[in-house]
Amino acid sequence: EVYDMDTITCIKTRRSVRKFKQEPISKDIIEDLVLDASYAPSWKNTQTTRYIAITDAEIKAKLAEECCAEHNRGIINGAPLLIATLIVDKRSGFERDGSYSTSRKDCWQAFDNGIATQTLCLAANDKGLGTVIMGLYDIDKAEEIIGVPEGQLLMALVAVGYPDEEPGVPKKKTVDDLLSYR
């Protein structure tokens, strides 16, 4: 099935989905998601976000049991796909000599990963998939279980699957709350 929703609809309909159907996600779709996410902007075009697709039930169960609070355990075990987003460390926001480019120090690498992760989630929404970005887990233990390559850092775990729920729109702050002019 081919989807092609307009950008604003895609942004406004993307939800954090925590319950999924057990239908597997094809390798072609996973690769399309990563290709779509590769178009996210990054610091000096460093393109430092990397992805590990986890479909192995044993690895997911180990992550859920050994790294996560109960809230995320069910999400991970119930999702047919878990995508780990990683950062190639010390490139985004760094000079060639390893010094920081700005006073924000290493924040830019997380910023770039966030843009890429959200782009991946929007691409998933466009394809009829639900996602939820998880950050509350034992990162060191999860890196070990996943086998994160040296020189990379685990940032987020994204559960992906065909939604088995339709979350409503969470209350949003008003433009007056969010915007000021100078």
C-alpha atoms as a PDB file:
ATOM      1  CA  GLU A   1       0.000   0.000   0.000  1.00  0.00           C
ATOM      2  CA  VAL A   2       1.385   3.398  -0.980  1.00  0.00           C
ATOM      3  CA  TYR A   3       0.761   6.433   1.161  1.00  0.00           C
ATOM      4  CA  ASP A   4       1.375  10.011   0.223  1.00  0.00           C
ATOM      5  CA  MET A   5      -0.123  12.362   2.777  1.00  0.00           C
ATOM      6  CA  ASP A   6       0.643  16.057   2.715  1.00  0.00           C
ATOM      7  CA  THR A   7       3.263  17.316   5.149  1.00  0.00           C
ATOM      8  CA  ILE A   8       1.001  19.167   7.588  1.00  0.00           C
ATOM      9  CA  THR A   9      -1.439  16.245   7.797  1.00  0.00           C
ATOM     10  CA  CYS A  10       1.497  13.918   8.465  1.00  0.00           C
ATOM     11  CA  ILE A  11       2.790  16.179  11.253  1.00  0.00           C
ATOM     12  CA  LYS A  12      -0.631  16.674  12.840  1.00  0.00           C
ATOM     13  CA  THR A  13      -1.652  12.988  12.714  1.00  0.00           C
ATOM     14  CA  ARG A  14       1.582  11.445  14.007  1.00  0.00           C
ATOM     15  CA  ARG A  15       0.951  10.003  17.479  1.00  0.00           C
ATOM     16  CA  SER A  16       2.913   8.078  20.074  1.00  0.00           C
ATOM     17  CA  VAL A  17       1.530   4.582  19.522  1.00  0.00           C
ATOM     18  CA  ARG A  18       2.179   2.029  22.244  1.00  0.00           C
ATOM     19  CA  LYS A  19       0.091  -0.947  21.050  1.00  0.00           C
ATOM     20  CA  PHE A  20       0.831  -2.702  17.783  1.00  0.00           C
ATOM     21  CA  LYS A  21      -0.512  -5.488  15.620  1.00  0.00           C
ATOM     22  CA  GLN A  22       1.901  -8.407  15.317  1.00  0.00           C
ATOM     23  CA  GLU A  23       2.238  -8.010  11.542  1.00  0.00           C
ATOM     24  CA  PRO A  24       5.971  -7.903  10.707  1.00  0.00           C
ATOM     25  CA  ILE A  25       7.527  -4.887   9.008  1.00  0.00           C
ATOM     26  CA  SER A  26       9.232  -5.813   5.738  1.00  0.00           C
ATOM     27  CA  LYS A  27      12.919  -5.173   5.150  1.00  0.00           C
ATOM     28  CA  ASP A  28      11.935  -2.949   2.199  1.00  0.00           C
ATOM     29  CA  ILE A  29       9.817  -0.719   4.452  1.00  0.00           C
ATOM     30  CA  ILE A  30      12.565  -0.547   7.102  1.00  0.00           C
ATOM     31  CA  GLU A  31      15.064   0.498   4.435  1.00  0.00           C
ATOM     32  CA  ASP A  32      12.598   3.071   3.045  1.00  0.00           C
ATOM     33  CA  LEU A  33      12.219   4.577   6.541  1.00  0.00           C
ATOM     34  CA  VAL A  34      15.975   4.950   6.916  1.00  0.00           C
ATOM     35  CA  LEU A  35      16.292   6.383   3.404  1.00  0.00           C
ATOM     36  CA  ASP A  36      13.550   8.916   4.180  1.00  0.00           C
ATOM     37  CA  ALA A  37      15.204   9.817   7.501  1.00  0.00           C
ATOM     38  CA  SER A  38      18.540  10.323   5.721  1.00  0.00           C
ATOM     39  CA  TYR A  39      17.071  13.521   4.247  1.00  0.00           C
ATOM     40  CA  ALA A  40      16.971  15.151   7.699  1.00  0.00           C
ATOM     41  CA  PRO A  41      19.332  18.115   7.998  1.00  0.00           C
ATOM     42  CA  SER A  42      22.449  17.843  10.148  1.00  0.00           C
ATOM     43  CA  TRP A  43      25.317  19.979  11.421  1.00  0.00           C
ATOM     44  CA  LYS A  44      27.602  20.765   8.453  1.00  0.00           C
ATOM     45  CA  ASN A  45      25.893  17.828   6.692  1.00  0.00           C
ATOM     46  CA  THR A  46      27.743  15.408   8.976  1.00  0.00           C
ATOM     47  CA  GLN A  47      24.841  12.900   8.799  1.00  0.00           C
ATOM     48  CA  THR A  48      25.846  11.248  12.068  1.00  0.00           C
ATOM     49  CA  THR A  49      22.634   9.368  12.891  1.00  0.00           C
ATOM     50  CA  ARG A  50      22.813   5.586  12.467  1.00  0.00           C
ATOM     51  CA  TYR A  51      20.081   2.972  12.871  1.00  0.00           C
ATOM     52  CA  ILE A  52      19.898  -0.602  14.084  1.00  0.00           C
ATOM     53  CA  ALA A  53      16.668  -2.456  13.254  1.00  0.00           C
ATOM     54  CA  ILE A  54      15.824  -5.017  15.929  1.00  0.00           C
ATOM     55  CA  THR A  55      13.248  -7.643  15.006  1.00  0.00           C
ATOM     56  CA  ASP A  56      14.693 -10.528  17.044  1.00  0.00           C
ATOM     57  CA  ALA A  57      12.207 -11.335  19.836  1.00  0.00           C
ATOM     58  CA  GLU A  58      14.985 -12.550  22.162  1.00  0.00           C
ATOM     59  CA  ILE A  59      16.946  -9.296  21.865  1.00  0.00           C
ATOM     60  CA  LYS A  60      13.779  -7.235  22.370  1.00  0.00           C
ATOM     61  CA  ALA A  61      12.827  -9.331  25.426  1.00  0.00           C
ATOM     62  CA  LYS A  62      16.321  -8.937  26.894  1.00  0.00           C
ATOM     63  CA  LEU A  63      16.193  -5.157  26.361  1.00  0.00           C
ATOM     64  CA  ALA A  64      12.724  -4.990  27.904  1.00  0.00           C
ATOM     65  CA  GLU A  65      13.606  -7.134  30.920  1.00  0.00           C
ATOM     66  CA  GLU A  66      17.103  -5.874  31.703  1.00  0.00           C
ATOM     67  CA  CYS A  67      16.970  -2.231  30.662  1.00  0.00           C
ATOM     68  CA  CYS A  68      13.460  -0.855  30.986  1.00  0.00           C
ATOM     69  CA  ALA A  69      10.889   0.125  33.541  1.00  0.00           C
ATOM     70  CA  GLU A  70       7.629  -1.815  33.332  1.00  0.00           C
ATOM     71  CA  HIS A  71       5.959   0.922  31.256  1.00  0.00           C
ATOM     72  CA  ASN A  72       8.343   0.394  28.324  1.00  0.00           C
ATOM     73  CA  ARG A  73       8.634  -3.408  28.689  1.00  0.00           C
ATOM     74  CA  GLY A  74       5.214  -4.065  27.220  1.00  0.00           C
ATOM     75  CA  ILE A  75       5.757  -1.590  24.395  1.00  0.00           C
ATOM     76  CA  ILE A  76       9.056  -3.188  23.341  1.00  0.00           C
ATOM     77  CA  ASN A  77       7.778  -6.755  23.602  1.00  0.00           C
ATOM     78  CA  GLY A  78       4.587  -5.832  21.732  1.00  0.00           C
ATOM     79  CA  ALA A  79       6.253  -4.051  18.810  1.00  0.00           C
ATOM     80  CA  PRO A  80       7.286  -6.095  15.777  1.00  0.00           C
ATOM     81  CA  LEU A  81      10.188  -3.677  15.196  1.00  0.00           C
ATOM     82  CA  LEU A  82      12.451  -1.667  17.449  1.00  0.00           C
ATOM     83  CA  ILE A  83      14.786   0.845  15.830  1.00  0.00           C
ATOM     84  CA  ALA A  84      17.749   2.041  17.849  1.00  0.00           C
ATOM     85  CA  THR A  85      18.952   5.478  16.764  1.00  0.00           C
ATOM     86  CA  LEU A  86      22.647   6.101  17.329  1.00  0.00           C
ATOM     87  CA  ILE A  87      25.051   9.017  17.114  1.00  0.00           C
ATOM     88  CA  VAL A  88      28.496   8.876  15.568  1.00  0.00           C
ATOM     89  CA  ASP A  89      30.154  10.552  18.564  1.00  0.00           C
ATOM     90  CA  LYS A  90      32.209  13.760  18.480  1.00  0.00           C
ATOM     91  CA  ARG A  91      31.390  14.890  14.914  1.00  0.00           C
ATOM     92  CA  SER A  92      28.229  17.002  15.005  1.00  0.00           C
ATOM     93  CA  GLY A  93      29.060  20.258  16.779  1.00  0.00           C
ATOM     94  CA  PHE A  94      32.786  19.487  16.896  1.00  0.00           C
ATOM     95  CA  GLU A  95      35.763  20.864  15.040  1.00  0.00           C
ATOM     96  CA  ARG A  96      38.234  18.543  13.307  1.00  0.00           C
ATOM     97  CA  ASP A  97      40.620  18.851  16.268  1.00  0.00           C
ATOM     98  CA  GLY A  98      37.910  17.507  18.615  1.00  0.00           C
ATOM     99  CA  SER A  99      37.087  20.853  20.246  1.00  0.00           C
ATOM    100  CA  TYR A 100      33.506  22.088  20.539  1.00  0.00           C
ATOM    101  CA  SER A 101      32.247  24.376  17.795  1.00  0.00           C
ATOM    102  CA  THR A 102      29.889  26.340  20.096  1.00  0.00           C
ATOM    103  CA  SER A 103      29.223  26.974  23.775  1.00  0.00           C
ATOM    104  CA  ARG A 104      26.453  24.335  23.549  1.00  0.00           C
ATOM    105  CA  LYS A 105      29.267  21.771  23.469  1.00  0.00           C
ATOM    106  CA  ASP A 106      28.027  18.285  22.480  1.00  0.00           C
ATOM    107  CA  CYS A 107      24.311  19.187  22.375  1.00  0.00           C
ATOM    108  CA  TRP A 108      24.292  19.422  18.576  1.00  0.00           C
ATOM    109  CA  GLN A 109      24.731  15.690  18.122  1.00  0.00           C
ATOM    110  CA  ALA A 110      21.587  14.996  20.157  1.00  0.00           C
ATOM    111  CA  PHE A 111      19.788  17.780  18.278  1.00  0.00           C
ATOM    112  CA  ASP A 112      20.685  16.205  14.921  1.00  0.00           C
ATOM    113  CA  ASN A 113      19.638  12.762  16.136  1.00  0.00           C
ATOM    114  CA  GLY A 114      16.311  14.189  17.284  1.00  0.00           C
ATOM    115  CA  ILE A 115      15.652  15.711  13.864  1.00  0.00           C
ATOM    116  CA  ALA A 116      16.501  12.417  12.142  1.00  0.00           C
ATOM    117  CA  THR A 117      14.423  10.380  14.609  1.00  0.00           C
ATOM    118  CA  GLN A 118      11.381  12.622  14.132  1.00  0.00           C
ATOM    119  CA  THR A 119      11.841  12.426  10.355  1.00  0.00           C
ATOM    120  CA  LEU A 120      11.864   8.619  10.638  1.00  0.00           C
ATOM    121  CA  CYS A 121       8.643   8.745  12.702  1.00  0.00           C
ATOM    122  CA  LEU A 122       6.938  11.035  10.183  1.00  0.00           C
ATOM    123  CA  ALA A 123       7.969   8.731   7.337  1.00  0.00           C
ATOM    124  CA  ALA A 124       6.522   5.810   9.308  1.00  0.00           C
ATOM    125  CA  ASN A 125       3.242   7.695   9.804  1.00  0.00           C
ATOM    126  CA  ASP A 126       3.080   8.341   6.073  1.00  0.00           C
ATOM    127  CA  LYS A 127       3.380   4.563   5.517  1.00  0.00           C
ATOM    128  CA  GLY A 128       0.570   3.743   7.961  1.00  0.00           C
ATOM    129  CA  LEU A 129       2.920   2.751  10.784  1.00  0.00           C
ATOM    130  CA  GLY A 130       2.801   3.895  14.386  1.00  0.00           C
ATOM    131  CA  THR A 131       5.846   4.821  16.461  1.00  0.00           C
ATOM    132  CA  VAL A 132       6.811   5.840  19.956  1.00  0.00           C
ATOM    133  CA  ILE A 133      10.208   7.281  20.871  1.00  0.00           C
ATOM    134  CA  MET A 134      11.541   5.918  24.157  1.00  0.00           C
ATOM    135  CA  GLY A 135      14.366   7.409  26.166  1.00  0.00           C
ATOM    136  CA  LEU A 136      13.847   5.981  29.656  1.00  0.00           C
ATOM    137  CA  TYR A 137      16.048   2.921  29.875  1.00  0.00           C
ATOM    138  CA  ASP A 138      19.500   1.818  31.055  1.00  0.00           C
ATOM    139  CA  ILE A 139      21.510   3.149  28.129  1.00  0.00           C
ATOM    140  CA  ASP A 140      24.816   1.434  28.986  1.00  0.00           C
ATOM    141  CA  LYS A 141      23.167  -1.976  29.355  1.00  0.00           C
ATOM    142  CA  ALA A 142      21.107  -1.456  26.178  1.00  0.00           C
ATOM    143  CA  GLU A 143      24.224  -0.500  24.198  1.00  0.00           C
ATOM    144  CA  GLU A 144      25.819  -3.765  25.300  1.00  0.00           C
ATOM    145  CA  ILE A 145      22.775  -5.909  24.411  1.00  0.00           C
ATOM    146  CA  ILE A 146      22.330  -4.226  21.015  1.00  0.00           C
ATOM    147  CA  GLY A 147      26.030  -4.299  20.203  1.00  0.00           C
ATOM    148  CA  VAL A 148      26.492  -0.586  19.507  1.00  0.00           C
ATOM    149  CA  PRO A 149      29.679  -0.108  17.469  1.00  0.00           C
ATOM    150  CA  GLU A 150      32.644   1.636  19.082  1.00  0.00           C
ATOM    151  CA  GLY A 151      32.571   5.400  18.562  1.00  0.00           C
ATOM    152  CA  GLN A 152      28.771   5.494  18.486  1.00  0.00           C
ATOM    153  CA  LEU A 153      26.252   6.324  21.216  1.00  0.00           C
ATOM    154  CA  LEU A 154      22.734   4.976  21.644  1.00  0.00           C
ATOM    155  CA  MET A 155      20.198   7.793  21.754  1.00  0.00           C
ATOM    156  CA  ALA A 156      16.641   6.536  21.374  1.00  0.00           C
ATOM    157  CA  LEU A 157      14.689   3.333  20.985  1.00  0.00           C
ATOM    158  CA  VAL A 158      11.752   3.684  18.601  1.00  0.00           C
ATOM    159  CA  ALA A 159       9.006   1.065  18.702  1.00  0.00           C
ATOM    160  CA  VAL A 160       7.453   0.648  15.247  1.00  0.00           C
ATOM    161  CA  GLY A 161       4.460  -1.290  13.994  1.00  0.00           C
ATOM    162  CA  TYR A 162       0.994  -1.181  12.518  1.00  0.00           C
ATOM    163  CA  PRO A 163      -1.121   0.542  15.189  1.00  0.00           C
ATOM    164  CA  ASP A 164      -3.525  -1.494  17.296  1.00  0.00           C
ATOM    165  CA  GLU A 165      -4.868   1.677  18.938  1.00  0.00           C
ATOM    166  CA  GLU A 166      -5.820   5.184  17.865  1.00  0.00           C
ATOM    167  CA  PRO A 167      -4.471   7.631  20.430  1.00  0.00           C
ATOM    168  CA  GLY A 168      -6.286  10.950  20.542  1.00  0.00           C
ATOM    169  CA  VAL A 169      -4.649  14.308  20.086  1.00  0.00           C
ATOM    170  CA  PRO A 170      -2.901  15.292  23.310  1.00  0.00           C
ATOM    171  CA  LYS A 171      -3.669  18.766  24.613  1.00  0.00           C
ATOM    172  CA  LYS A 172      -1.418  21.275  22.894  1.00  0.00           C
ATOM    173  CA  LYS A 173      -0.198  24.616  24.189  1.00  0.00           C
ATOM    174  CA  THR A 174      -1.564  27.650  22.374  1.00  0.00           C
ATOM    175  CA  VAL A 175       0.494  29.752  19.998  1.00  0.00           C
ATOM    176  CA  ASP A 176       0.332  32.530  22.627  1.00  0.00           C
ATOM    177  CA  ASP A 177       1.983  30.139  25.128  1.00  0.00           C
ATOM    178  CA  LEU A 178       4.676  29.126  22.648  1.00  0.00           C
ATOM    179  CA  LEU A 179       5.525  32.257  20.675  1.00  0.00           C
ATOM    180  CA  SER A 180       6.930  35.634  21.559  1.00  0.00           C
ATOM    181  CA  TYR A 181       8.238  38.456  19.400  1.00  0.00           C
ATOM    182  CA  ARG A 182      11.142  40.804  19.964  1.00  0.00           C
END
